[in-house]
Amino acid sequence: MATQSPFSWLEGLLQNLPPLPNLQPPEWAVDEAQRRIVLLLNHILMQEVEATSRLARQKGRVVLMQWRSFSVRLVATPAGLLDRAAAQDKPDLVLAVSEESPLTLAQNVLRGDKPAVRIEGDVQLAADVNWLVDHVRWDIEEDLARVMGDAPAHTLSQAARNMAAALRQFLGNAAAADSTKAPT
């Protein structure tokens, strides 16, 4: 028996909804979220010497990342970290996620696929950003170990990895079942 995605009913429901008004979060919430994202990215970057050296070579270069109506401008600092760029700073590189559906985007990311991205701008900066995406990973287990100890952190991380693997397998089976299902 074919496995159907648990998200198919939700996707159908979302597609049949009338257009919603263009709801935007308050400016202060966007500002605070971007500040926290930069802090998290810098925390992750500081754990990888090669990442900070690559970013240090790109100091002052601005990357504009966009998805739908959301965007963030980041600038590489001389220390090889990131900071938010001013709104008027012209981006050297624009990375725009092509997928509009949040549900499809989440499914692709959970499967381990990179989202489709439209890239415009400096080729070397794009290559360095791609290297960062491919090689820099957050060692959550190490951060958890600092807070709760090695054994609980390892147990929690292993449980999360098992759940993620099961979810990826389920999504893979659901996608395969959807692609082989004949239109009715």
Protein backbone atom coordinates (compact mmCIF):
# COMPACT_ATOMS: atom_id res chain seq x y z
CA MET A 1 0.00 0.00 0.00
CA ALA A 2 1.34 3.40 -0.95
CA THR A 3 2.21 5.81 1.83
CA GLN A 4 0.55 9.18 1.45
CA SER A 5 2.21 12.29 2.78
CA PRO A 6 0.55 13.67 5.91
CA PHE A 7 1.11 17.10 4.39
CA SER A 8 -0.93 16.51 1.20
CA TRP A 9 -4.24 17.55 2.80
CA LEU A 10 -2.61 20.67 4.23
CA GLU A 11 -1.07 21.57 0.89
CA GLY A 12 -4.44 21.12 -0.83
CA LEU A 13 -6.13 23.26 1.81
CA LEU A 14 -3.55 26.02 1.45
CA GLN A 15 -3.86 26.03 -2.35
CA ASN A 16 -7.66 26.41 -2.14
CA LEU A 17 -7.60 29.34 0.28
CA PRO A 18 -8.42 32.76 -1.11
CA PRO A 19 -5.44 35.13 -1.30
CA LEU A 20 -4.60 36.41 2.14
CA PRO A 21 -3.76 40.04 2.76
CA ASN A 22 -0.05 40.74 2.74
CA LEU A 23 0.53 40.29 6.46
CA GLN A 24 3.88 41.56 7.67
CA PRO A 25 5.42 41.06 11.10
CA PRO A 26 6.13 44.24 13.02
CA GLU A 27 9.42 45.95 12.17
CA TRP A 28 10.77 45.46 15.70
CA ALA A 29 10.18 41.69 15.47
CA VAL A 30 11.98 41.46 12.13
CA ASP A 31 14.87 43.53 13.52
CA GLU A 32 15.19 41.35 16.62
CA ALA A 33 14.94 38.10 14.62
CA GLN A 34 17.69 39.28 12.26
CA ARG A 35 19.93 40.23 15.19
CA ARG A 36 19.50 36.78 16.72
CA ILE A 37 20.13 35.05 13.39
CA VAL A 38 23.40 36.97 13.04
CA LEU A 39 24.42 35.97 16.58
CA LEU A 40 23.68 32.30 15.84
CA LEU A 41 25.55 32.40 12.51
CA ASN A 42 28.57 34.00 14.17
CA HIS A 43 28.50 31.40 16.95
CA ILE A 44 28.59 28.67 14.30
CA LEU A 45 31.27 30.41 12.22
CA MET A 46 33.58 30.87 15.24
CA GLN A 47 33.78 27.08 15.57
CA GLU A 48 35.42 26.77 12.12
CA VAL A 49 38.75 28.56 11.50
CA GLU A 50 38.61 28.08 7.72
CA ALA A 51 35.15 29.70 7.61
CA THR A 52 36.29 32.84 9.40
CA SER A 53 39.40 33.12 7.23
CA ARG A 54 37.31 32.85 4.05
CA LEU A 55 34.90 35.50 5.31
CA ALA A 56 37.76 37.78 6.42
CA ARG A 57 38.97 37.83 2.78
CA GLN A 58 35.50 39.10 1.81
CA LYS A 59 35.41 41.89 4.44
CA GLY A 60 33.02 44.71 3.60
CA ARG A 61 31.18 42.65 0.97
CA VAL A 62 27.40 42.63 1.30
CA VAL A 63 25.15 39.60 0.71
CA LEU A 64 21.40 40.10 0.31
CA MET A 65 19.39 36.96 1.07
CA GLN A 66 15.72 36.92 0.04
CA TRP A 67 12.75 34.62 0.30
CA ARG A 68 9.34 35.94 -0.66
CA SER A 69 8.95 39.28 1.16
CA PHE A 70 11.62 38.47 3.75
CA SER A 71 15.19 39.64 3.29
CA VAL A 72 18.35 40.20 5.27
CA ARG A 73 21.54 42.03 4.30
CA LEU A 74 24.74 40.69 5.81
CA VAL A 75 28.23 42.14 5.60
CA ALA A 76 31.47 40.27 6.21
CA THR A 77 33.55 41.82 8.99
CA PRO A 78 37.38 41.99 9.14
CA ALA A 79 37.23 39.34 11.90
CA GLY A 80 35.62 36.88 9.47
CA LEU A 81 32.19 37.08 11.05
CA LEU A 82 28.88 38.58 9.91
CA ASP A 83 27.03 41.74 10.78
CA ARG A 84 23.86 43.27 9.44
CA ALA A 85 24.45 45.66 6.58
CA ALA A 86 22.67 48.98 6.30
CA ALA A 87 19.53 49.03 4.16
CA GLN A 88 21.14 51.46 1.70
CA ASP A 89 24.26 49.28 1.17
CA LYS A 90 24.36 47.90 -2.36
CA PRO A 91 24.66 44.11 -2.28
CA ASP A 92 27.65 42.45 -3.95
CA LEU A 93 25.73 39.17 -4.05
CA VAL A 94 21.99 38.45 -4.14
CA LEU A 95 20.73 35.02 -3.11
CA ALA A 96 17.00 34.60 -3.70
CA VAL A 97 15.26 31.34 -2.77
CA SER A 98 13.06 30.41 -5.74
CA GLU A 99 10.57 28.14 -3.96
CA GLU A 100 7.52 30.14 -2.87
CA SER A 101 5.70 27.45 -0.87
CA PRO A 102 6.87 27.24 2.75
CA LEU A 103 5.58 23.66 2.95
CA THR A 104 7.53 22.49 -0.11
CA LEU A 105 10.60 24.37 1.09
CA ALA A 106 10.40 22.67 4.51
CA GLN A 107 9.92 19.24 2.91
CA ASN A 108 12.98 19.75 0.68
CA VAL A 109 15.15 20.91 3.57
CA LEU A 110 14.03 18.00 5.77
CA ARG A 111 14.95 15.61 2.95
CA GLY A 112 18.42 17.16 2.96
CA ASP A 113 18.02 18.95 -0.37
CA LYS A 114 19.29 22.46 -0.91
CA PRO A 115 16.58 24.88 -1.99
CA ALA A 116 16.74 26.30 -5.50
CA VAL A 117 18.44 29.69 -5.33
CA ARG A 118 18.78 32.43 -7.93
CA ILE A 119 22.29 33.90 -7.66
CA GLU A 120 23.30 37.33 -8.94
CA GLY A 121 26.57 39.11 -8.35
CA ASP A 122 30.19 38.43 -7.43
CA VAL A 123 31.30 34.92 -8.40
CA GLN A 124 34.09 34.57 -5.80
CA LEU A 125 31.80 35.71 -2.98
CA ALA A 126 29.16 33.23 -4.20
CA ALA A 127 31.79 30.45 -4.19
CA ASP A 128 32.80 31.30 -0.61
CA VAL A 129 29.17 31.38 0.55
CA ASN A 130 28.59 28.02 -1.15
CA TRP A 131 31.66 26.61 0.61
CA LEU A 132 30.26 27.81 3.94
CA VAL A 133 26.90 26.17 3.23
CA ASP A 134 28.56 22.90 2.23
CA HIS A 135 31.18 22.65 4.98
CA VAL A 136 30.13 24.53 8.12
CA ARG A 137 27.83 22.67 10.50
CA TRP A 138 26.54 23.57 13.92
CA ASP A 139 27.74 21.08 16.51
CA ILE A 140 24.60 21.26 18.64
CA GLU A 141 25.71 18.30 20.73
CA GLU A 142 28.85 20.17 21.83
CA ASP A 143 26.81 23.23 22.83
CA LEU A 144 24.31 21.07 24.71
CA ALA A 145 27.17 19.29 26.51
CA ARG A 146 28.33 22.62 27.92
CA VAL A 147 24.90 23.12 29.47
CA MET A 148 23.80 19.62 30.52
CA GLY A 149 26.86 17.39 30.36
CA ASP A 150 28.21 14.95 27.80
CA ALA A 151 25.98 11.90 28.37
CA PRO A 152 22.59 13.70 28.31
CA ALA A 153 23.68 15.81 25.35
CA HIS A 154 24.73 12.72 23.41
CA THR A 155 21.46 10.92 24.24
CA LEU A 156 19.34 13.91 23.23
CA SER A 157 21.33 14.45 20.03
CA GLN A 158 21.07 10.77 19.09
CA ALA A 159 17.30 10.84 19.60
CA ALA A 160 17.03 13.96 17.42
CA ARG A 161 19.16 12.34 14.68
CA ASN A 162 16.97 9.21 14.77
CA MET A 163 13.78 11.28 14.51
CA ALA A 164 15.24 13.33 11.64
CA ALA A 165 16.27 10.15 9.80
CA ALA A 166 12.80 8.66 10.25
CA LEU A 167 11.17 11.87 9.01
CA ARG A 168 13.51 11.99 5.98
CA GLN A 169 12.70 8.34 5.19
CA PHE A 170 8.98 8.99 5.51
CA LEU A 171 9.17 12.07 3.28
CA GLY A 172 11.20 10.12 0.73
CA ASN A 173 8.62 7.31 0.71
CA ALA A 174 5.74 9.81 0.49
CA ALA A 175 7.38 11.67 -2.39
CA ALA A 176 7.99 8.39 -4.21
CA ALA A 177 4.38 7.34 -3.68
CA ASP A 178 3.11 10.72 -4.92
CA SER A 179 5.26 10.56 -8.06
CA THR A 180 4.07 7.04 -8.96
CA LYS A 181 0.41 7.77 -8.24
CA ALA A 182 -1.53 8.17 -11.47
CA PRO A 183 -3.72 11.28 -11.83
CA THR A 184 -7.39 10.51 -11.35
